[in-house]
Amino acid sequence: MLARILLALALILPASAFAQSETANPRISDRIGELIYGIYCAQEPERRDPAPDTASGHLNIVPIIPDFQFRQKLVPAEIGIGFGVLATATPGMLHDPVTVTVTHPPYPDSGIEVERWITDVDDLGPSLMGFSFDTANELLLGEWTFSAHTLDGEELFHIAFEVVQPELMPQVVSTCFGSFMS
């Protein structure tokens, strides 16, 4: 009897573990040592690097890695709010190049729904892969996803965020802008 129960558990557990991995948010490869996700207050960039597969055509490079003040996947659509991930490779690993893909609802003026850029992820410290709302055109409600893949196509991570009306999250907006809310 005990053998039958153990056999039944052996057959059920792998199936349920697989089902959980299919719906996991975020999904993280064992080649990533740490993945932090959430919301941060956007910074003025110290420079802009070319990124031709993005709607703006550039990446904002910030002077310091931002503090993710809210570790959550619900994001207010407000200019000056940033969100995304900080990824660090498993010790001893370097992933270079890495293609980061962000998907979102279509921009009203261009229809763009997918943006990509190339970066690297190492074990020396976190790499920021984020998006900050800089213009009203970018304030799109709905699902936004971030994923990263190695050159050979291996997924390093995938995470979905939900962007909502800022009025639903006044605590986040006030953290970045005091009590002012547009």
C-alpha atoms as a PDB file:
ATOM      1  CA  MET A   1       0.000   0.000   0.000  1.00  0.00           C
ATOM      2  CA  LEU A   2       2.769   2.417   0.966  1.00  0.00           C
ATOM      3  CA  ALA A   3       4.582   1.600  -2.283  1.00  0.00           C
ATOM      4  CA  ARG A   4       1.441   2.502  -4.300  1.00  0.00           C
ATOM      5  CA  ILE A   5       1.091   5.821  -2.470  1.00  0.00           C
ATOM      6  CA  LEU A   6       4.751   6.648  -3.082  1.00  0.00           C
ATOM      7  CA  LEU A   7       4.405   5.694  -6.754  1.00  0.00           C
ATOM      8  CA  ALA A   8       1.305   7.882  -7.093  1.00  0.00           C
ATOM      9  CA  LEU A   9       3.136  10.792  -5.455  1.00  0.00           C
ATOM     10  CA  ALA A  10       6.134  10.254  -7.745  1.00  0.00           C
ATOM     11  CA  LEU A  11       3.856  10.512 -10.766  1.00  0.00           C
ATOM     12  CA  ILE A  12       1.869  13.507  -9.498  1.00  0.00           C
ATOM     13  CA  LEU A  13       4.692  15.700  -8.160  1.00  0.00           C
ATOM     14  CA  PRO A  14       6.658  16.123 -11.417  1.00  0.00           C
ATOM     15  CA  ALA A  15       3.455  17.013 -13.271  1.00  0.00           C
ATOM     16  CA  SER A  16       2.459  19.620 -10.703  1.00  0.00           C
ATOM     17  CA  ALA A  17       6.003  21.034 -10.602  1.00  0.00           C
ATOM     18  CA  PHE A  18       5.881  21.364 -14.404  1.00  0.00           C
ATOM     19  CA  ALA A  19       2.488  23.099 -14.261  1.00  0.00           C
ATOM     20  CA  GLN A  20       3.820  25.581 -11.716  1.00  0.00           C
ATOM     21  CA  SER A  21       6.895  26.335 -13.837  1.00  0.00           C
ATOM     22  CA  GLU A  22       4.687  27.077 -16.848  1.00  0.00           C
ATOM     23  CA  THR A  23       2.764  29.745 -14.927  1.00  0.00           C
ATOM     24  CA  ALA A  24       5.616  31.062 -12.774  1.00  0.00           C
ATOM     25  CA  ASN A  25       5.987  34.826 -12.800  1.00  0.00           C
ATOM     26  CA  PRO A  26       8.856  35.429 -12.883  1.00  0.00           C
ATOM     27  CA  ARG A  27      10.554  32.496 -14.596  1.00  0.00           C
ATOM     28  CA  ILE A  28      14.251  32.452 -13.734  1.00  0.00           C
ATOM     29  CA  SER A  29      16.979  30.251 -15.227  1.00  0.00           C
ATOM     30  CA  ASP A  30      19.497  28.581 -12.960  1.00  0.00           C
ATOM     31  CA  ARG A  31      22.088  30.678 -14.855  1.00  0.00           C
ATOM     32  CA  ILE A  32      20.774  33.737 -12.957  1.00  0.00           C
ATOM     33  CA  GLY A  33      22.008  33.967  -9.379  1.00  0.00           C
ATOM     34  CA  GLU A  34      19.680  36.775  -8.320  1.00  0.00           C
ATOM     35  CA  LEU A  35      16.743  38.558  -9.921  1.00  0.00           C
ATOM     36  CA  ILE A  36      15.167  41.526  -8.189  1.00  0.00           C
ATOM     37  CA  TYR A  37      12.101  43.092  -9.766  1.00  0.00           C
ATOM     38  CA  GLY A  38       9.926  46.050  -8.998  1.00  0.00           C
ATOM     39  CA  ILE A  39       9.449  49.789  -9.234  1.00  0.00           C
ATOM     40  CA  TYR A  40      11.965  52.607  -8.900  1.00  0.00           C
ATOM     41  CA  CYS A  41      11.967  56.388  -9.264  1.00  0.00           C
ATOM     42  CA  ALA A  42      13.471  57.280 -12.645  1.00  0.00           C
ATOM     43  CA  GLN A  43      16.737  59.224 -12.739  1.00  0.00           C
ATOM     44  CA  GLU A  44      18.099  61.717 -15.217  1.00  0.00           C
ATOM     45  CA  PRO A  45      20.384  59.741 -17.519  1.00  0.00           C
ATOM     46  CA  GLU A  46      24.097  60.474 -17.555  1.00  0.00           C
ATOM     47  CA  ARG A  47      24.130  59.494 -21.235  1.00  0.00           C
ATOM     48  CA  ARG A  48      22.018  57.908 -23.948  1.00  0.00           C
ATOM     49  CA  ASP A  49      23.343  54.900 -25.829  1.00  0.00           C
ATOM     50  CA  PRO A  50      22.020  53.921 -29.266  1.00  0.00           C
ATOM     51  CA  ALA A  51      19.328  51.228 -29.256  1.00  0.00           C
ATOM     52  CA  PRO A  52      17.829  51.068 -32.745  1.00  0.00           C
ATOM     53  CA  ASP A  53      15.252  48.378 -31.861  1.00  0.00           C
ATOM     54  CA  THR A  54      13.532  50.610 -29.279  1.00  0.00           C
ATOM     55  CA  ALA A  55      10.829  53.192 -29.929  1.00  0.00           C
ATOM     56  CA  SER A  56      13.026  56.064 -28.707  1.00  0.00           C
ATOM     57  CA  GLY A  57      16.131  54.771 -30.494  1.00  0.00           C
ATOM     58  CA  HIS A  58      18.250  54.980 -27.353  1.00  0.00           C
ATOM     59  CA  LEU A  59      18.751  53.613 -23.845  1.00  0.00           C
ATOM     60  CA  ASN A  60      18.980  55.920 -20.868  1.00  0.00           C
ATOM     61  CA  ILE A  61      22.144  55.053 -18.949  1.00  0.00           C
ATOM     62  CA  VAL A  62      21.733  56.159 -15.332  1.00  0.00           C
ATOM     63  CA  PRO A  63      24.575  57.174 -13.009  1.00  0.00           C
ATOM     64  CA  ILE A  64      23.735  54.629 -10.284  1.00  0.00           C
ATOM     65  CA  ILE A  65      21.666  51.462 -10.032  1.00  0.00           C
ATOM     66  CA  PRO A  66      18.277  52.617  -8.714  1.00  0.00           C
ATOM     67  CA  ASP A  67      16.768  51.460  -5.457  1.00  0.00           C
ATOM     68  CA  PHE A  68      13.768  49.247  -6.184  1.00  0.00           C
ATOM     69  CA  GLN A  69      11.494  50.803  -3.576  1.00  0.00           C
ATOM     70  CA  PHE A  70       8.503  48.572  -4.342  1.00  0.00           C
ATOM     71  CA  ARG A  71       9.179  44.889  -5.007  1.00  0.00           C
ATOM     72  CA  GLN A  72       5.996  44.191  -6.927  1.00  0.00           C
ATOM     73  CA  LYS A  73       4.627  43.597 -10.412  1.00  0.00           C
ATOM     74  CA  LEU A  74       1.805  46.172 -10.298  1.00  0.00           C
ATOM     75  CA  VAL A  75       3.053  49.497 -11.735  1.00  0.00           C
ATOM     76  CA  PRO A  76       1.399  52.937 -11.914  1.00  0.00           C
ATOM     77  CA  ALA A  77       1.404  54.617 -15.343  1.00  0.00           C
ATOM     78  CA  GLU A  78       3.090  57.877 -14.341  1.00  0.00           C
ATOM     79  CA  ILE A  79       5.883  59.859 -15.989  1.00  0.00           C
ATOM     80  CA  GLY A  80       8.992  59.496 -13.840  1.00  0.00           C
ATOM     81  CA  ILE A  81       8.209  55.959 -12.663  1.00  0.00           C
ATOM     82  CA  GLY A  82      10.558  53.163 -13.699  1.00  0.00           C
ATOM     83  CA  PHE A  83      10.180  49.399 -13.423  1.00  0.00           C
ATOM     84  CA  GLY A  84      12.014  46.274 -14.440  1.00  0.00           C
ATOM     85  CA  VAL A  85      14.653  43.932 -13.074  1.00  0.00           C
ATOM     86  CA  LEU A  86      18.126  43.791 -11.614  1.00  0.00           C
ATOM     87  CA  ALA A  87      19.801  40.578 -12.753  1.00  0.00           C
ATOM     88  CA  THR A  88      23.054  39.024 -11.553  1.00  0.00           C
ATOM     89  CA  ALA A  89      24.534  35.910 -13.130  1.00  0.00           C
ATOM     90  CA  THR A  90      25.248  32.756 -11.169  1.00  0.00           C
ATOM     91  CA  PRO A  91      28.768  32.963  -9.675  1.00  0.00           C
ATOM     92  CA  GLY A  92      31.447  32.361 -12.293  1.00  0.00           C
ATOM     93  CA  MET A  93      29.139  33.072 -15.245  1.00  0.00           C
ATOM     94  CA  LEU A  94      29.092  35.839 -17.847  1.00  0.00           C
ATOM     95  CA  HIS A  95      26.238  36.140 -20.324  1.00  0.00           C
ATOM     96  CA  ASP A  96      27.350  38.351 -23.197  1.00  0.00           C
ATOM     97  CA  PRO A  97      25.559  39.249 -25.352  1.00  0.00           C
ATOM     98  CA  VAL A  98      22.078  39.114 -23.881  1.00  0.00           C
ATOM     99  CA  THR A  99      19.021  40.272 -25.812  1.00  0.00           C
ATOM    100  CA  VAL A 100      16.458  42.002 -23.611  1.00  0.00           C
ATOM    101  CA  THR A 101      12.923  42.119 -25.017  1.00  0.00           C
ATOM    102  CA  VAL A 102      10.144  44.291 -23.635  1.00  0.00           C
ATOM    103  CA  THR A 103       6.602  43.791 -24.910  1.00  0.00           C
ATOM    104  CA  HIS A 104       3.716  46.142 -24.176  1.00  0.00           C
ATOM    105  CA  PRO A 105       0.416  47.353 -25.608  1.00  0.00           C
ATOM    106  CA  PRO A 106       0.911  49.182 -28.926  1.00  0.00           C
ATOM    107  CA  TYR A 107       2.014  52.803 -28.869  1.00  0.00           C
ATOM    108  CA  PRO A 108      -0.827  54.887 -30.328  1.00  0.00           C
ATOM    109  CA  ASP A 109       1.362  56.814 -32.793  1.00  0.00           C
ATOM    110  CA  SER A 110       3.534  53.972 -34.138  1.00  0.00           C
ATOM    111  CA  GLY A 111       1.900  50.676 -33.183  1.00  0.00           C
ATOM    112  CA  ILE A 112       5.220  49.484 -31.695  1.00  0.00           C
ATOM    113  CA  GLU A 113       4.664  46.611 -29.242  1.00  0.00           C
ATOM    114  CA  VAL A 114       8.140  45.071 -28.974  1.00  0.00           C
ATOM    115  CA  GLU A 115      11.413  46.767 -28.063  1.00  0.00           C
ATOM    116  CA  ARG A 116      14.840  45.103 -27.841  1.00  0.00           C
ATOM    117  CA  TRP A 117      18.371  45.919 -26.862  1.00  0.00           C
ATOM    118  CA  ILE A 118      21.645  44.123 -26.216  1.00  0.00           C
ATOM    119  CA  THR A 119      23.409  44.056 -22.845  1.00  0.00           C
ATOM    120  CA  ASP A 120      25.376  41.657 -20.673  1.00  0.00           C
ATOM    121  CA  VAL A 121      24.758  40.003 -17.322  1.00  0.00           C
ATOM    122  CA  ASP A 122      27.691  39.025 -15.133  1.00  0.00           C
ATOM    123  CA  ASP A 123      28.303  37.869 -11.581  1.00  0.00           C
ATOM    124  CA  LEU A 124      30.040  41.085 -10.457  1.00  0.00           C
ATOM    125  CA  GLY A 125      26.870  43.015  -9.667  1.00  0.00           C
ATOM    126  CA  PRO A 126      23.345  43.662 -10.843  1.00  0.00           C
ATOM    127  CA  SER A 127      22.541  44.715 -14.395  1.00  0.00           C
ATOM    128  CA  LEU A 128      19.532  47.014 -14.749  1.00  0.00           C
ATOM    129  CA  MET A 129      17.008  46.092 -17.412  1.00  0.00           C
ATOM    130  CA  GLY A 130      14.221  48.566 -16.947  1.00  0.00           C
ATOM    131  CA  PHE A 131      11.832  50.982 -18.518  1.00  0.00           C
ATOM    132  CA  SER A 132      10.979  54.452 -17.269  1.00  0.00           C
ATOM    133  CA  PHE A 133       7.950  56.393 -18.374  1.00  0.00           C
ATOM    134  CA  ASP A 134       9.388  59.524 -20.021  1.00  0.00           C
ATOM    135  CA  THR A 135       6.505  60.658 -22.255  1.00  0.00           C
ATOM    136  CA  ALA A 136       2.702  60.532 -22.185  1.00  0.00           C
ATOM    137  CA  ASN A 137       2.778  58.285 -25.270  1.00  0.00           C
ATOM    138  CA  GLU A 138       4.396  55.539 -23.168  1.00  0.00           C
ATOM    139  CA  LEU A 139       1.731  55.454 -20.442  1.00  0.00           C
ATOM    140  CA  LEU A 140       0.047  52.284 -21.703  1.00  0.00           C
ATOM    141  CA  LEU A 141      -2.160  50.285 -19.363  1.00  0.00           C
ATOM    142  CA  GLY A 142      -2.001  46.510 -19.493  1.00  0.00           C
ATOM    143  CA  GLU A 143       0.614  43.786 -19.485  1.00  0.00           C
ATOM    144  CA  TRP A 144       4.281  44.603 -20.027  1.00  0.00           C
ATOM    145  CA  THR A 145       6.811  41.757 -20.155  1.00  0.00           C
ATOM    146  CA  PHE A 146      10.583  41.702 -19.811  1.00  0.00           C
ATOM    147  CA  SER A 147      12.655  38.751 -20.943  1.00  0.00           C
ATOM    148  CA  ALA A 148      16.332  38.099 -21.570  1.00  0.00           C
ATOM    149  CA  HIS A 149      17.896  35.487 -23.816  1.00  0.00           C
ATOM    150  CA  THR A 150      21.472  34.415 -24.478  1.00  0.00           C
ATOM    151  CA  LEU A 151      22.937  34.382 -27.980  1.00  0.00           C
ATOM    152  CA  ASP A 152      22.010  30.688 -28.293  1.00  0.00           C
ATOM    153  CA  GLY A 153      18.384  31.452 -27.372  1.00  0.00           C
ATOM    154  CA  GLU A 154      18.359  30.253 -23.768  1.00  0.00           C
ATOM    155  CA  GLU A 155      15.883  32.207 -21.652  1.00  0.00           C
ATOM    156  CA  LEU A 156      17.533  33.762 -18.598  1.00  0.00           C
ATOM    157  CA  PHE A 157      14.328  35.254 -17.198  1.00  0.00           C
ATOM    158  CA  HIS A 158      10.803  36.295 -18.093  1.00  0.00           C
ATOM    159  CA  ILE A 159       8.524  38.487 -15.996  1.00  0.00           C
ATOM    160  CA  ALA A 160       5.153  40.142 -16.588  1.00  0.00           C
ATOM    161  CA  PHE A 161       4.127  43.445 -15.002  1.00  0.00           C
ATOM    162  CA  GLU A 162       0.655  45.010 -15.019  1.00  0.00           C
ATOM    163  CA  VAL A 163       0.581  48.777 -15.621  1.00  0.00           C
ATOM    164  CA  VAL A 164      -2.458  50.469 -14.057  1.00  0.00           C
ATOM    165  CA  GLN A 165      -3.928  53.934 -13.525  1.00  0.00           C
ATOM    166  CA  PRO A 166      -1.704  55.916 -11.130  1.00  0.00           C
ATOM    167  CA  GLU A 167      -4.701  56.787  -8.954  1.00  0.00           C
ATOM    168  CA  LEU A 168      -4.794  53.140  -7.890  1.00  0.00           C
ATOM    169  CA  MET A 169      -1.293  53.381  -6.434  1.00  0.00           C
ATOM    170  CA  PRO A 170      -0.889  56.793  -4.764  1.00  0.00           C
ATOM    171  CA  GLN A 171       1.700  55.413  -2.313  1.00  0.00           C
ATOM    172  CA  VAL A 172       4.089  54.611  -5.180  1.00  0.00           C
ATOM    173  CA  VAL A 173       3.596  57.960  -6.914  1.00  0.00           C
ATOM    174  CA  SER A 174       4.004  59.916  -3.670  1.00  0.00           C
ATOM    175  CA  THR A 175       7.261  58.066  -2.897  1.00  0.00           C
ATOM    176  CA  CYS A 176       8.810  59.449  -6.081  1.00  0.00           C
ATOM    177  CA  PHE A 177       7.095  62.858  -6.167  1.00  0.00           C
ATOM    178  CA  GLY A 178       5.967  63.681  -2.644  1.00  0.00           C
ATOM    179  CA  SER A 179       2.240  64.353  -2.395  1.00  0.00           C
ATOM    180  CA  PHE A 180       2.045  65.773  -5.953  1.00  0.00           C
ATOM    181  CA  MET A 181       0.234  63.576  -8.443  1.00  0.00           C
ATOM    182  CA  SER A 182      -0.553  64.604 -12.006  1.00  0.00           C
END
